[in-house]
Each structure stands twice: as structure tokens, then as C-alpha cells.
Amino acid sequence: MEAKLKMAGKTLVVRLEGELDHHVVDGLRSRIDEKITVGKAENVLFNFQAVDFMDSSGLGMVLGRYKAVKERGGQVLACSLRPAVYRVFELSGLFSRIPVYSSEQEALKHV
């Protein structure tokens, strides 16, 4: 798993590539949380364009960031869901909490 984090205004864009599973979530969670607390990111956008697989630990990491950001008055968004990730969002009910957009540019228009 590779994760590139960059700021776009007050939104932390998290571009993920590979498999989002229990092997990588702890390190990724720490990196994102640091940007939220120290870097003052108000929103988080997860770009899943290059994610081939996501398990329950990946789901938990996304939900945890959702709760942390929401408590601060921000929002979590997602974009470019591939079929495997779409299915996880669908089965878990994440669509009711996290808005999903077709592209990163489209998502950034809504923060």
C-alpha cells in the first residue's frame, strides 16, 4: 500500500494505492491523524482510485477518521471507488455517512 497525503486548502487529500488492510492501517491512521491535529486539516478526502482491496480494518480506519473529523466540524469525503471498495461501502452503510464523488476534483468542489 502506498499513500500520498497532500493538502488542498483545508482538506487533506489521501490518495491510496494497493490493498487497504490490517497490514497498513495503523501507520496510515497515524499519518492522517497527525495532519488533522498538527496540520489543522479540517476535512479529509479519500481517493480510492487505485485501491484493489479493502478489508474491515480499512473500513474501521475510514470510520474512525470520519468520527474524528466530524467532532471538529469537518467532513470526510470519498471519490473514485473501484468495485471492491464500492461493495464495502455498500455493505457497511458508509454511503449514508460519507458522500462519494466520481473524481477528486468533483469532491473538492463540495468542501
Foldseek 3Di string as FASTA:
>chain_A
DDWDWDDDDLEIEIEDAEEAEPVCLVVVLVVVVCCVVVVVRLEYEYECQHYPYYDVSSVVSLVVVQVVNVVVVGGYEYENDDPRVVVVCVVVVVVVRHPYYHDPVVVVVVD
